[in-house]
Amino acid sequence: MKVEDAVARLKTATHDISDEYTTEECIGFLNTAIQQVCYQLIAGGSPQMLKQVTVHNLEYLPVDFVRPAGTYPIKLTGQLIEFLDEDMEDLKVRYFATKEPMDNTTEDMPFVHEEINDIAVKVATLIALNQNEYDVSQDKAIIDELRQAIATGMAG
């Protein structure tokens, strides 16, 4: 899905006929929604949220780092990594990562599966509507069901 399509769908879903939301605001709503979906996928252990990095002792982790995927001989303090074995020079670490924030130059939505991009647009719609104090309780219930379906699908 293209970001411009996601913005158009968001504007349509919020009935934004007066251009109340700028493209930048819509992208902001989408970024917030994408982070929520990322954490849902990470909680479910989705492999599409995995990355690998080679780290060195007393080095800062990447900004997209959420948690390691597996057990490593390391100690984490904030974003600082410390090796438990001081003789190690470097270590390859697999970790769960969030997606990079989008901006006006981003062309594609971040998820491989279109269904997950769809959910991100729906969540962004709820965020936009909630900003204007609309009653979104029924929509939220539907989104929660979709999130549960994703979690169930990932659990196998």
C-alpha atoms as a PDB file:
ATOM      1  CA  MET A   1       0.000   0.000   0.000  1.00  0.00           C
ATOM      2  CA  LYS A   2       1.278   3.454  -0.871  1.00  0.00           C
ATOM      3  CA  VAL A   3       1.401   6.117   1.853  1.00  0.00           C
ATOM      4  CA  GLU A   4      -0.613   8.498  -0.327  1.00  0.00           C
ATOM      5  CA  ASP A   5      -3.336   5.829  -0.599  1.00  0.00           C
ATOM      6  CA  ALA A   6      -3.288   5.348   3.179  1.00  0.00           C
ATOM      7  CA  VAL A   7      -3.633   9.119   3.704  1.00  0.00           C
ATOM      8  CA  ALA A   8      -6.531   9.240   1.215  1.00  0.00           C
ATOM      9  CA  ARG A   9      -8.261   6.325   2.974  1.00  0.00           C
ATOM     10  CA  LEU A  10      -7.733   8.021   6.338  1.00  0.00           C
ATOM     11  CA  LYS A  11      -9.273  11.265   5.061  1.00  0.00           C
ATOM     12  CA  THR A  12     -12.212   9.367   3.582  1.00  0.00           C
ATOM     13  CA  ALA A  13     -12.786   7.350   6.748  1.00  0.00           C
ATOM     14  CA  THR A  14     -12.780  10.501   8.886  1.00  0.00           C
ATOM     15  CA  HIS A  15     -15.112  12.282   6.439  1.00  0.00           C
ATOM     16  CA  ASP A  16     -12.503  15.017   6.066  1.00  0.00           C
ATOM     17  CA  ILE A  17     -14.204  16.924   3.251  1.00  0.00           C
ATOM     18  CA  SER A  18     -12.942  20.290   4.519  1.00  0.00           C
ATOM     19  CA  ASP A  19      -9.275  19.212   4.598  1.00  0.00           C
ATOM     20  CA  GLU A  20      -9.174  19.567   8.369  1.00  0.00           C
ATOM     21  CA  TYR A  21      -6.215  17.190   8.561  1.00  0.00           C
ATOM     22  CA  THR A  22      -3.078  18.074   6.626  1.00  0.00           C
ATOM     23  CA  THR A  23      -1.038  15.344   4.980  1.00  0.00           C
ATOM     24  CA  GLU A  24       1.574  15.816   7.717  1.00  0.00           C
ATOM     25  CA  GLU A  25      -1.054  15.304  10.434  1.00  0.00           C
ATOM     26  CA  CYS A  26      -2.358  12.190   8.666  1.00  0.00           C
ATOM     27  CA  ILE A  27       1.169  10.799   8.455  1.00  0.00           C
ATOM     28  CA  GLY A  28       1.545  11.549  12.175  1.00  0.00           C
ATOM     29  CA  PHE A  29      -1.642   9.582  12.919  1.00  0.00           C
ATOM     30  CA  LEU A  30      -0.345   6.752  10.736  1.00  0.00           C
ATOM     31  CA  ASN A  31       3.046   6.751  12.493  1.00  0.00           C
ATOM     32  CA  THR A  32       1.372   6.473  15.893  1.00  0.00           C
ATOM     33  CA  ALA A  33      -0.839   3.648  14.631  1.00  0.00           C
ATOM     34  CA  ILE A  34       2.119   1.858  13.051  1.00  0.00           C
ATOM     35  CA  GLN A  35       4.000   1.921  16.368  1.00  0.00           C
ATOM     36  CA  GLN A  36       0.958   0.427  18.115  1.00  0.00           C
ATOM     37  CA  VAL A  37       0.758  -2.320  15.493  1.00  0.00           C
ATOM     38  CA  CYS A  38       4.529  -2.902  15.784  1.00  0.00           C
ATOM     39  CA  TYR A  39       4.259  -3.533  19.497  1.00  0.00           C
ATOM     40  CA  GLN A  40       1.311  -5.861  18.938  1.00  0.00           C
ATOM     41  CA  LEU A  41       3.353  -7.840  16.396  1.00  0.00           C
ATOM     42  CA  ILE A  42       6.383  -7.879  18.692  1.00  0.00           C
ATOM     43  CA  ALA A  43       4.237  -9.130  21.590  1.00  0.00           C
ATOM     44  CA  GLY A  44       3.102 -11.948  19.296  1.00  0.00           C
ATOM     45  CA  GLY A  45       6.692 -12.783  18.291  1.00  0.00           C
ATOM     46  CA  SER A  46       6.211 -11.947  14.601  1.00  0.00           C
ATOM     47  CA  PRO A  47       9.340 -12.760  12.563  1.00  0.00           C
ATOM     48  CA  GLN A  48       8.720  -9.751  10.313  1.00  0.00           C
ATOM     49  CA  MET A  49       9.704  -7.546  13.275  1.00  0.00           C
ATOM     50  CA  LEU A  50      13.143  -9.163  13.642  1.00  0.00           C
ATOM     51  CA  LYS A  51      16.448  -7.565  12.735  1.00  0.00           C
ATOM     52  CA  GLN A  52      20.061  -8.486  13.357  1.00  0.00           C
ATOM     53  CA  VAL A  53      22.939  -6.239  14.331  1.00  0.00           C
ATOM     54  CA  THR A  54      26.561  -6.727  15.315  1.00  0.00           C
ATOM     55  CA  VAL A  55      27.263  -4.902  18.569  1.00  0.00           C
ATOM     56  CA  HIS A  56      30.364  -4.110  20.574  1.00  0.00           C
ATOM     57  CA  ASN A  57      30.770  -3.886  24.321  1.00  0.00           C
ATOM     58  CA  LEU A  58      29.497  -0.628  25.894  1.00  0.00           C
ATOM     59  CA  GLU A  59      27.865   0.443  22.661  1.00  0.00           C
ATOM     60  CA  TYR A  60      24.421   1.966  22.256  1.00  0.00           C
ATOM     61  CA  LEU A  61      21.737  -0.158  20.662  1.00  0.00           C
ATOM     62  CA  PRO A  62      19.895   0.959  17.518  1.00  0.00           C
ATOM     63  CA  VAL A  63      17.020   3.383  18.151  1.00  0.00           C
ATOM     64  CA  ASP A  64      14.517   0.824  16.806  1.00  0.00           C
ATOM     65  CA  PHE A  65      15.588  -1.807  19.373  1.00  0.00           C
ATOM     66  CA  VAL A  66      12.724  -3.074  21.550  1.00  0.00           C
ATOM     67  CA  ARG A  67      14.038  -6.321  23.036  1.00  0.00           C
ATOM     68  CA  PRO A  68      16.416  -9.135  22.161  1.00  0.00           C
ATOM     69  CA  ALA A  69      15.050 -12.182  20.374  1.00  0.00           C
ATOM     70  CA  GLY A  70      16.669 -14.907  22.381  1.00  0.00           C
ATOM     71  CA  THR A  71      19.122 -15.140  25.248  1.00  0.00           C
ATOM     72  CA  TYR A  72      22.526 -13.501  24.996  1.00  0.00           C
ATOM     73  CA  PRO A  73      25.393 -13.038  27.468  1.00  0.00           C
ATOM     74  CA  ILE A  74      24.628  -9.328  27.773  1.00  0.00           C
ATOM     75  CA  LYS A  75      23.331  -6.793  30.256  1.00  0.00           C
ATOM     76  CA  LEU A  76      21.116  -3.947  29.033  1.00  0.00           C
ATOM     77  CA  THR A  77      20.879  -0.588  30.759  1.00  0.00           C
ATOM     78  CA  GLY A  78      18.605   1.693  28.795  1.00  0.00           C
ATOM     79  CA  GLN A  79      19.996   1.576  25.269  1.00  0.00           C
ATOM     80  CA  LEU A  80      23.528   0.643  26.418  1.00  0.00           C
ATOM     81  CA  ILE A  81      24.717  -2.946  25.940  1.00  0.00           C
ATOM     82  CA  GLU A  82      27.376  -4.500  28.117  1.00  0.00           C
ATOM     83  CA  PHE A  83      28.897  -7.918  27.527  1.00  0.00           C
ATOM     84  CA  LEU A  84      29.037 -10.287  30.486  1.00  0.00           C
ATOM     85  CA  ASP A  85      32.180 -11.841  28.982  1.00  0.00           C
ATOM     86  CA  GLU A  86      34.681  -8.981  28.746  1.00  0.00           C
ATOM     87  CA  ASP A  87      36.888 -10.994  26.349  1.00  0.00           C
ATOM     88  CA  MET A  88      34.248 -10.839  23.598  1.00  0.00           C
ATOM     89  CA  GLU A  89      34.906  -8.242  20.912  1.00  0.00           C
ATOM     90  CA  ASP A  90      31.555  -8.257  19.180  1.00  0.00           C
ATOM     91  CA  LEU A  91      28.305 -10.149  19.115  1.00  0.00           C
ATOM     92  CA  LYS A  92      25.554 -10.669  16.556  1.00  0.00           C
ATOM     93  CA  VAL A  93      22.217  -9.989  18.216  1.00  0.00           C
ATOM     94  CA  ARG A  94      18.782 -10.688  16.781  1.00  0.00           C
ATOM     95  CA  TYR A  95      16.225  -8.284  18.132  1.00  0.00           C
ATOM     96  CA  PHE A  96      12.667  -7.107  17.764  1.00  0.00           C
ATOM     97  CA  ALA A  97      12.517  -3.689  16.156  1.00  0.00           C
ATOM     98  CA  THR A  98       9.900  -1.075  15.445  1.00  0.00           C
ATOM     99  CA  LYS A  99       9.417   0.427  11.997  1.00  0.00           C
ATOM    100  CA  GLU A 100      10.974   3.763  11.067  1.00  0.00           C
ATOM    101  CA  PRO A 101       8.665   6.765  11.191  1.00  0.00           C
ATOM    102  CA  MET A 102       7.340   7.871   7.809  1.00  0.00           C
ATOM    103  CA  ASP A 103       7.484  11.387   6.402  1.00  0.00           C
ATOM    104  CA  ASN A 104       6.340  13.195   3.251  1.00  0.00           C
ATOM    105  CA  THR A 105       8.988  11.419   1.167  1.00  0.00           C
ATOM    106  CA  THR A 106       8.033   7.879   2.242  1.00  0.00           C
ATOM    107  CA  GLU A 107       6.387   6.005  -0.602  1.00  0.00           C
ATOM    108  CA  ASP A 108       5.247   2.688   0.880  1.00  0.00           C
ATOM    109  CA  MET A 109       3.569   1.652   4.089  1.00  0.00           C
ATOM    110  CA  PRO A 110       5.972  -0.371   6.250  1.00  0.00           C
ATOM    111  CA  PHE A 111       4.351  -3.792   6.541  1.00  0.00           C
ATOM    112  CA  VAL A 112       4.730  -6.650   4.081  1.00  0.00           C
ATOM    113  CA  HIS A 113       1.160  -7.833   4.559  1.00  0.00           C
ATOM    114  CA  GLU A 114      -1.524  -5.500   3.207  1.00  0.00           C
ATOM    115  CA  GLU A 115      -3.930  -6.616   5.914  1.00  0.00           C
ATOM    116  CA  ILE A 116      -1.602  -5.254   8.582  1.00  0.00           C
ATOM    117  CA  ASN A 117      -1.297  -1.957   6.694  1.00  0.00           C
ATOM    118  CA  ASP A 118      -5.108  -1.871   6.598  1.00  0.00           C
ATOM    119  CA  ILE A 119      -5.243  -2.261  10.364  1.00  0.00           C
ATOM    120  CA  ALA A 120      -2.722   0.558  10.767  1.00  0.00           C
ATOM    121  CA  VAL A 121      -4.977   2.830   8.684  1.00  0.00           C
ATOM    122  CA  LYS A 122      -8.005   1.834  10.783  1.00  0.00           C
ATOM    123  CA  VAL A 123      -6.136   2.535  14.025  1.00  0.00           C
ATOM    124  CA  ALA A 124      -4.948   5.895  12.609  1.00  0.00           C
ATOM    125  CA  THR A 125      -8.574   6.704  11.786  1.00  0.00           C
ATOM    126  CA  LEU A 126      -9.563   6.042  15.398  1.00  0.00           C
ATOM    127  CA  ILE A 127      -6.753   8.282  16.607  1.00  0.00           C
ATOM    128  CA  ALA A 128      -7.872  11.086  14.285  1.00  0.00           C
ATOM    129  CA  LEU A 129     -11.531  10.744  15.236  1.00  0.00           C
ATOM    130  CA  ASN A 130     -10.704  10.523  18.924  1.00  0.00           C
ATOM    131  CA  GLN A 131      -8.788  13.790  18.630  1.00  0.00           C
ATOM    132  CA  ASN A 132     -12.093  15.431  17.706  1.00  0.00           C
ATOM    133  CA  GLU A 133     -13.894  13.599  20.530  1.00  0.00           C
ATOM    134  CA  TYR A 134     -16.089  11.400  18.353  1.00  0.00           C
ATOM    135  CA  ASP A 135     -17.542   8.240  19.890  1.00  0.00           C
ATOM    136  CA  VAL A 136     -15.188   5.562  18.610  1.00  0.00           C
ATOM    137  CA  SER A 137     -16.124   2.765  21.021  1.00  0.00           C
ATOM    138  CA  GLN A 138     -17.752   0.575  18.366  1.00  0.00           C
ATOM    139  CA  ASP A 139     -14.832   1.103  15.961  1.00  0.00           C
ATOM    140  CA  LYS A 140     -12.369   0.337  18.737  1.00  0.00           C
ATOM    141  CA  ALA A 141     -14.139  -2.977  19.425  1.00  0.00           C
ATOM    142  CA  ILE A 142     -13.747  -3.958  15.759  1.00  0.00           C
ATOM    143  CA  ILE A 143     -10.040  -3.018  15.772  1.00  0.00           C
ATOM    144  CA  ASP A 144      -9.517  -5.023  18.960  1.00  0.00           C
ATOM    145  CA  GLU A 145     -11.063  -8.044  17.244  1.00  0.00           C
ATOM    146  CA  LEU A 146      -8.716  -7.588  14.271  1.00  0.00           C
ATOM    147  CA  ARG A 147      -5.711  -7.312  16.582  1.00  0.00           C
ATOM    148  CA  GLN A 148      -6.797 -10.490  18.357  1.00  0.00           C
ATOM    149  CA  ALA A 149      -7.094 -12.264  15.019  1.00  0.00           C
ATOM    150  CA  ILE A 150      -3.531 -11.233  14.164  1.00  0.00           C
ATOM    151  CA  ALA A 151      -2.245 -12.419  17.526  1.00  0.00           C
ATOM    152  CA  THR A 152      -4.050 -15.737  17.115  1.00  0.00           C
ATOM    153  CA  GLY A 153      -2.697 -16.162  13.589  1.00  0.00           C
ATOM    154  CA  MET A 154       0.866 -15.530  14.747  1.00  0.00           C
ATOM    155  CA  ALA A 155       0.538 -17.971  17.627  1.00  0.00           C
ATOM    156  CA  GLY A 156      -0.255 -20.711  15.119  1.00  0.00           C
END
